[in-house]
PDB file of all heavy atoms in Angstrom:
ATOM      1  N   THR A   1     -17.518 -14.705 -61.069  1.00  0.00           N
ATOM      2  CA  THR A   1     -16.760 -13.948 -62.060  1.00  0.00           C
ATOM      3  C   THR A   1     -17.080 -12.472 -61.881  1.00  0.00           C
ATOM      4  O   THR A   1     -18.102 -12.104 -61.296  1.00  0.00           O
ATOM      5  CB  THR A   1     -17.131 -14.376 -63.490  1.00  0.00           C
ATOM      6  OG1 THR A   1     -18.548 -14.217 -63.676  1.00  0.00           O
ATOM      7  CG2 THR A   1     -16.746 -15.826 -63.741  1.00  0.00           C
ATOM      8  N   CYS A   2     -16.202 -11.631 -62.387  1.00  0.00           N
ATOM      9  CA  CYS A   2     -16.417 -10.191 -62.281  1.00  0.00           C
ATOM     10  C   CYS A   2     -17.579  -9.784 -63.176  1.00  0.00           C
ATOM     11  O   CYS A   2     -17.580 -10.067 -64.378  1.00  0.00           O
ATOM     12  CB  CYS A   2     -15.153  -9.443 -62.689  1.00  0.00           C
ATOM     13  SG  CYS A   2     -13.718  -9.784 -61.641  1.00  0.00           S
ATOM     14  N   ASN A   3     -18.562  -9.127 -62.586  1.00  0.00           N
ATOM     15  CA  ASN A   3     -19.755  -8.712 -63.321  1.00  0.00           C
ATOM     16  C   ASN A   3     -19.513  -7.356 -63.977  1.00  0.00           C
ATOM     17  O   ASN A   3     -20.146  -6.350 -63.640  1.00  0.00           O
ATOM     18  CB  ASN A   3     -20.959  -8.674 -62.378  1.00  0.00           C
ATOM     19  CG  ASN A   3     -22.262  -8.443 -63.116  1.00  0.00           C
ATOM     20  OD1 ASN A   3     -22.352  -8.695 -64.313  1.00  0.00           O
ATOM     21  ND2 ASN A   3     -23.253  -7.938 -62.408  1.00  0.00           N
ATOM     22  N   ILE A   4     -18.556  -7.333 -64.912  1.00  0.00           N
ATOM     23  CA  ILE A   4     -18.182  -6.099 -65.601  1.00  0.00           C
ATOM     24  C   ILE A   4     -18.256  -6.358 -67.101  1.00  0.00           C
ATOM     25  O   ILE A   4     -17.656  -7.312 -67.610  1.00  0.00           O
ATOM     26  CB  ILE A   4     -16.763  -5.653 -65.213  1.00  0.00           C
ATOM     27  CG1 ILE A   4     -16.661  -5.435 -63.696  1.00  0.00           C
ATOM     28  CG2 ILE A   4     -16.381  -4.372 -65.948  1.00  0.00           C
ATOM     29  CD1 ILE A   4     -15.270  -5.098 -63.221  1.00  0.00           C
ATOM     30  N   HIS A   5     -18.988  -5.529 -67.797  1.00  0.00           N
ATOM     31  CA  HIS A   5     -19.144  -5.688 -69.234  1.00  0.00           C
ATOM     32  C   HIS A   5     -18.024  -4.953 -69.972  1.00  0.00           C
ATOM     33  O   HIS A   5     -17.631  -3.845 -69.582  1.00  0.00           O
ATOM     34  CB  HIS A   5     -20.502  -5.156 -69.688  1.00  0.00           C
ATOM     35  CG  HIS A   5     -21.668  -5.854 -69.066  1.00  0.00           C
ATOM     36  ND1 HIS A   5     -22.064  -7.121 -69.426  1.00  0.00           N
ATOM     37  CD2 HIS A   5     -22.529  -5.460 -68.090  1.00  0.00           C
ATOM     38  CE1 HIS A   5     -23.114  -7.489 -68.722  1.00  0.00           C
ATOM     39  NE2 HIS A   5     -23.417  -6.492 -67.894  1.00  0.00           N
ATOM     40  N   HIS A   6     -17.527  -5.547 -71.020  1.00  0.00           N
ATOM     41  CA  HIS A   6     -16.502  -4.910 -71.843  1.00  0.00           C
ATOM     42  C   HIS A   6     -17.064  -3.627 -72.451  1.00  0.00           C
ATOM     43  O   HIS A   6     -18.198  -3.600 -72.940  1.00  0.00           O
ATOM     44  CB  HIS A   6     -16.048  -5.859 -72.947  1.00  0.00           C
ATOM     45  CG  HIS A   6     -15.191  -6.970 -72.438  1.00  0.00           C
ATOM     46  ND1 HIS A   6     -14.072  -7.422 -73.091  1.00  0.00           N
ATOM     47  CD2 HIS A   6     -15.264  -7.722 -71.320  1.00  0.00           C
ATOM     48  CE1 HIS A   6     -13.512  -8.402 -72.418  1.00  0.00           C
ATOM     49  NE2 HIS A   6     -14.234  -8.602 -71.323  1.00  0.00           N
ATOM     50  N   GLY A   7     -16.268  -2.590 -72.439  1.00  0.00           N
ATOM     51  CA  GLY A   7     -16.698  -1.309 -72.970  1.00  0.00           C
ATOM     52  C   GLY A   7     -17.379  -0.415 -71.967  1.00  0.00           C
ATOM     53  O   GLY A   7     -17.644   0.749 -72.268  1.00  0.00           O
ATOM     54  N   SER A   8     -17.655  -0.941 -70.763  1.00  0.00           N
ATOM     55  CA  SER A   8     -18.275  -0.114 -69.719  1.00  0.00           C
ATOM     56  C   SER A   8     -17.227   0.819 -69.114  1.00  0.00           C
ATOM     57  O   SER A   8     -16.024   0.683 -69.343  1.00  0.00           O
ATOM     58  CB  SER A   8     -18.882  -1.000 -68.630  1.00  0.00           C
ATOM     59  OG  SER A   8     -17.872  -1.764 -67.988  1.00  0.00           O
ATOM     60  N   ASN A   9     -17.708   1.793 -68.340  1.00  0.00           N
ATOM     61  CA  ASN A   9     -16.785   2.751 -67.726  1.00  0.00           C
ATOM     62  C   ASN A   9     -15.821   2.055 -66.771  1.00  0.00           C
ATOM     63  O   ASN A   9     -14.629   2.376 -66.729  1.00  0.00           O
ATOM     64  CB  ASN A   9     -17.578   3.823 -66.981  1.00  0.00           C
ATOM     65  CG  ASN A   9     -18.375   4.713 -67.913  1.00  0.00           C
ATOM     66  OD1 ASN A   9     -18.024   4.861 -69.090  1.00  0.00           O
ATOM     67  ND2 ASN A   9     -19.450   5.309 -67.416  1.00  0.00           N
ATOM     68  N   THR A  10     -16.337   1.086 -66.004  1.00  0.00           N
ATOM     69  CA  THR A  10     -15.465   0.366 -65.074  1.00  0.00           C
ATOM     70  C   THR A  10     -14.415  -0.439 -65.817  1.00  0.00           C
ATOM     71  O   THR A  10     -13.246  -0.470 -65.423  1.00  0.00           O
ATOM     72  CB  THR A  10     -16.301  -0.554 -64.177  1.00  0.00           C
ATOM     73  OG1 THR A  10     -17.292   0.207 -63.487  1.00  0.00           O
ATOM     74  CG2 THR A  10     -15.424  -1.269 -63.164  1.00  0.00           C
ATOM     75  N   ALA A  11     -14.812  -1.100 -66.906  1.00  0.00           N
ATOM     76  CA  ALA A  11     -13.848  -1.876 -67.685  1.00  0.00           C
ATOM     77  C   ALA A  11     -12.777  -0.979 -68.290  1.00  0.00           C
ATOM     78  O   ALA A  11     -11.587  -1.334 -68.306  1.00  0.00           O
ATOM     79  CB  ALA A  11     -14.578  -2.649 -68.781  1.00  0.00           C
ATOM     80  N   ASN A  12     -13.163   0.192 -68.773  1.00  0.00           N
ATOM     81  CA  ASN A  12     -12.173   1.118 -69.337  1.00  0.00           C
ATOM     82  C   ASN A  12     -11.235   1.658 -68.264  1.00  0.00           C
ATOM     83  O   ASN A  12     -10.037   1.856 -68.513  1.00  0.00           O
ATOM     84  CB  ASN A  12     -12.890   2.265 -70.043  1.00  0.00           C
ATOM     85  CG  ASN A  12     -13.647   1.803 -71.280  1.00  0.00           C
ATOM     86  OD1 ASN A  12     -13.261   0.804 -71.904  1.00  0.00           O
ATOM     87  ND2 ASN A  12     -14.708   2.502 -71.636  1.00  0.00           N
ATOM     88  N   GLU A  13     -11.776   1.893 -67.065  1.00  0.00           N
ATOM     89  CA  GLU A  13     -10.917   2.336 -65.961  1.00  0.00           C
ATOM     90  C   GLU A  13      -9.877   1.286 -65.625  1.00  0.00           C
ATOM     91  O   GLU A  13      -8.684   1.589 -65.487  1.00  0.00           O
ATOM     92  CB  GLU A  13     -11.781   2.639 -64.724  1.00  0.00           C
ATOM     93  CG  GLU A  13     -12.400   4.004 -64.704  1.00  0.00           C
ATOM     94  CD  GLU A  13     -13.054   4.289 -63.374  1.00  0.00           C
ATOM     95  OE1 GLU A  13     -13.452   3.320 -62.680  1.00  0.00           O
ATOM     96  OE2 GLU A  13     -13.169   5.467 -63.006  1.00  0.00           O
ATOM     97  N   LEU A  14     -10.309   0.038 -65.488  1.00  0.00           N
ATOM     98  CA  LEU A  14      -9.386  -1.036 -65.162  1.00  0.00           C
ATOM     99  C   LEU A  14      -8.360  -1.259 -66.270  1.00  0.00           C
ATOM    100  O   LEU A  14      -7.206  -1.604 -66.008  1.00  0.00           O
ATOM    101  CB  LEU A  14     -10.165  -2.326 -64.903  1.00  0.00           C
ATOM    102  CG  LEU A  14     -11.048  -2.334 -63.655  1.00  0.00           C
ATOM    103  CD1 LEU A  14     -11.955  -3.556 -63.632  1.00  0.00           C
ATOM    104  CD2 LEU A  14     -10.200  -2.298 -62.393  1.00  0.00           C
ATOM    105  N   LYS A  15      -8.775  -1.048 -67.500  1.00  0.00           N
ATOM    106  CA  LYS A  15      -7.868  -1.254 -68.630  1.00  0.00           C
ATOM    107  C   LYS A  15      -6.816  -0.156 -68.718  1.00  0.00           C
ATOM    108  O   LYS A  15      -5.669  -0.408 -69.094  1.00  0.00           O
ATOM    109  CB  LYS A  15      -8.684  -1.305 -69.924  1.00  0.00           C
ATOM    110  CG  LYS A  15      -7.893  -1.737 -71.143  1.00  0.00           C
ATOM    111  CD  LYS A  15      -8.821  -1.899 -72.341  1.00  0.00           C
ATOM    112  CE  LYS A  15      -8.045  -2.384 -73.559  1.00  0.00           C
ATOM    113  NZ  LYS A  15      -8.947  -2.578 -74.724  1.00  0.00           N
ATOM    114  N   ASN A  16      -7.182   1.062 -68.350  1.00  0.00           N
ATOM    115  CA  ASN A  16      -6.268   2.198 -68.473  1.00  0.00           C
ATOM    116  C   ASN A  16      -5.476   2.480 -67.208  1.00  0.00           C
ATOM    117  O   ASN A  16      -4.579   3.320 -67.225  1.00  0.00           O
ATOM    118  CB  ASN A  16      -7.057   3.455 -68.857  1.00  0.00           C
ATOM    119  CG  ASN A  16      -7.737   3.317 -70.207  1.00  0.00           C
ATOM    120  OD1 ASN A  16      -7.217   2.664 -71.112  1.00  0.00           O
ATOM    121  ND2 ASN A  16      -8.917   3.918 -70.347  1.00  0.00           N
ATOM    122  N   ALA A  17      -5.786   1.818 -66.114  1.00  0.00           N
ATOM    123  CA  ALA A  17      -5.091   2.082 -64.850  1.00  0.00           C
ATOM    124  C   ALA A  17      -3.641   1.620 -64.932  1.00  0.00           C
ATOM    125  O   ALA A  17      -3.340   0.532 -65.427  1.00  0.00           O
ATOM    126  CB  ALA A  17      -5.801   1.384 -63.707  1.00  0.00           C
ATOM    127  N   LYS A  18      -2.752   2.446 -64.445  1.00  0.00           N
ATOM    128  CA  LYS A  18      -1.332   2.105 -64.388  1.00  0.00           C
ATOM    129  C   LYS A  18      -0.951   1.480 -63.055  1.00  0.00           C
ATOM    130  O   LYS A  18       0.104   0.870 -62.932  1.00  0.00           O
ATOM    131  CB  LYS A  18      -0.478   3.357 -64.624  1.00  0.00           C
ATOM    132  CG  LYS A  18      -0.674   3.984 -65.989  1.00  0.00           C
ATOM    133  CD  LYS A  18      -0.318   3.019 -67.101  1.00  0.00           C
ATOM    134  CE  LYS A  18      -0.494   3.656 -68.464  1.00  0.00           C
ATOM    135  NZ  LYS A  18      -0.177   2.712 -69.561  1.00  0.00           N
ATOM    136  N   LEU A  19      -1.792   1.670 -62.061  1.00  0.00           N
ATOM    137  CA  LEU A  19      -1.532   1.093 -60.740  1.00  0.00           C
ATOM    138  C   LEU A  19      -2.861   0.759 -60.089  1.00  0.00           C
ATOM    139  O   LEU A  19      -3.784   1.586 -60.070  1.00  0.00           O
ATOM    140  CB  LEU A  19      -0.740   2.068 -59.855  1.00  0.00           C
ATOM    141  CG  LEU A  19      -0.558   1.659 -58.390  1.00  0.00           C
ATOM    142  CD1 LEU A  19       0.319   0.416 -58.286  1.00  0.00           C
ATOM    143  CD2 LEU A  19       0.043   2.803 -57.575  1.00  0.00           C
ATOM    144  N   ILE A  20      -2.971  -0.445 -59.565  1.00  0.00           N
ATOM    145  CA  ILE A  20      -4.141  -0.869 -58.807  1.00  0.00           C
ATOM    146  C   ILE A  20      -3.680  -1.306 -57.427  1.00  0.00           C
ATOM    147  O   ILE A  20      -2.776  -2.140 -57.304  1.00  0.00           O
ATOM    148  CB  ILE A  20      -4.896  -2.011 -59.512  1.00  0.00           C
ATOM    149  CG1 ILE A  20      -5.499  -1.519 -60.830  1.00  0.00           C
ATOM    150  CG2 ILE A  20      -5.994  -2.573 -58.622  1.00  0.00           C
ATOM    151  CD1 ILE A  20      -6.256  -2.569 -61.593  1.00  0.00           C
ATOM    152  N   ILE A  21      -4.264  -0.720 -56.403  1.00  0.00           N
ATOM    153  CA  ILE A  21      -3.927  -1.038 -55.015  1.00  0.00           C
ATOM    154  C   ILE A  21      -5.107  -1.773 -54.399  1.00  0.00           C
ATOM    155  O   ILE A  21      -6.245  -1.310 -54.467  1.00  0.00           O
ATOM    156  CB  ILE A  21      -3.606   0.236 -54.213  1.00  0.00           C
ATOM    157  CG1 ILE A  21      -2.383   0.938 -54.809  1.00  0.00           C
ATOM    158  CG2 ILE A  21      -3.357  -0.091 -52.752  1.00  0.00           C
ATOM    159  CD1 ILE A  21      -2.033   2.243 -54.121  1.00  0.00           C
ATOM    160  N   TRP A  22      -4.819  -2.916 -53.796  1.00  0.00           N
ATOM    161  CA  TRP A  22      -5.859  -3.731 -53.151  1.00  0.00           C
ATOM    162  C   TRP A  22      -5.408  -4.010 -51.726  1.00  0.00           C
ATOM    163  O   TRP A  22      -4.635  -4.917 -51.475  1.00  0.00           O
ATOM    164  CB  TRP A  22      -6.066  -5.031 -53.932  1.00  0.00           C
ATOM    165  CG  TRP A  22      -7.274  -5.814 -53.488  1.00  0.00           C
ATOM    166  CD1 TRP A  22      -8.110  -5.512 -52.460  1.00  0.00           C
ATOM    167  CD2 TRP A  22      -7.772  -7.025 -54.064  1.00  0.00           C
ATOM    168  NE1 TRP A  22      -9.096  -6.453 -52.351  1.00  0.00           N
ATOM    169  CE2 TRP A  22      -8.920  -7.391 -53.321  1.00  0.00           C
ATOM    170  CE3 TRP A  22      -7.359  -7.840 -55.113  1.00  0.00           C
ATOM    171  CZ2 TRP A  22      -9.642  -8.535 -53.609  1.00  0.00           C
ATOM    172  CZ3 TRP A  22      -8.084  -8.968 -55.396  1.00  0.00           C
ATOM    173  CH2 TRP A  22      -9.214  -9.314 -54.663  1.00  0.00           C
ATOM    174  N   ASP A  23      -5.897  -3.220 -50.793  1.00  0.00           N
ATOM    175  CA  ASP A  23      -5.532  -3.382 -49.393  1.00  0.00           C
ATOM    176  C   ASP A  23      -6.455  -4.405 -48.732  1.00  0.00           C
ATOM    177  O   ASP A  23      -7.566  -4.656 -49.203  1.00  0.00           O
ATOM    178  CB  ASP A  23      -5.628  -2.040 -48.669  1.00  0.00           C
ATOM    179  CG  ASP A  23      -4.962  -2.072 -47.302  1.00  0.00           C
ATOM    180  OD1 ASP A  23      -4.153  -2.988 -47.062  1.00  0.00           O
ATOM    181  OD2 ASP A  23      -5.249  -1.190 -46.475  1.00  0.00           O
ATOM    182  N   GLU A  24      -5.977  -4.970 -47.620  1.00  0.00           N
ATOM    183  CA  GLU A  24      -6.697  -6.011 -46.884  1.00  0.00           C
ATOM    184  C   GLU A  24      -7.009  -7.216 -47.768  1.00  0.00           C
ATOM    185  O   GLU A  24      -8.005  -7.915 -47.558  1.00  0.00           O
ATOM    186  CB  GLU A  24      -8.006  -5.459 -46.286  1.00  0.00           C
ATOM    187  CG  GLU A  24      -7.788  -4.469 -45.154  1.00  0.00           C
ATOM    188  CD  GLU A  24      -9.080  -4.088 -44.469  1.00  0.00           C
ATOM    189  OE1 GLU A  24     -10.150  -4.263 -45.080  1.00  0.00           O
ATOM    190  OE2 GLU A  24      -9.027  -3.622 -43.323  1.00  0.00           O
TER     191      GLU A  24
END
């Protein structure tokens, strides 16, 4: 599972992102 805690900076980034690019 993703080791990201709710309320962390990474979680807020993923929540607010309008576009996510995953190459390869």
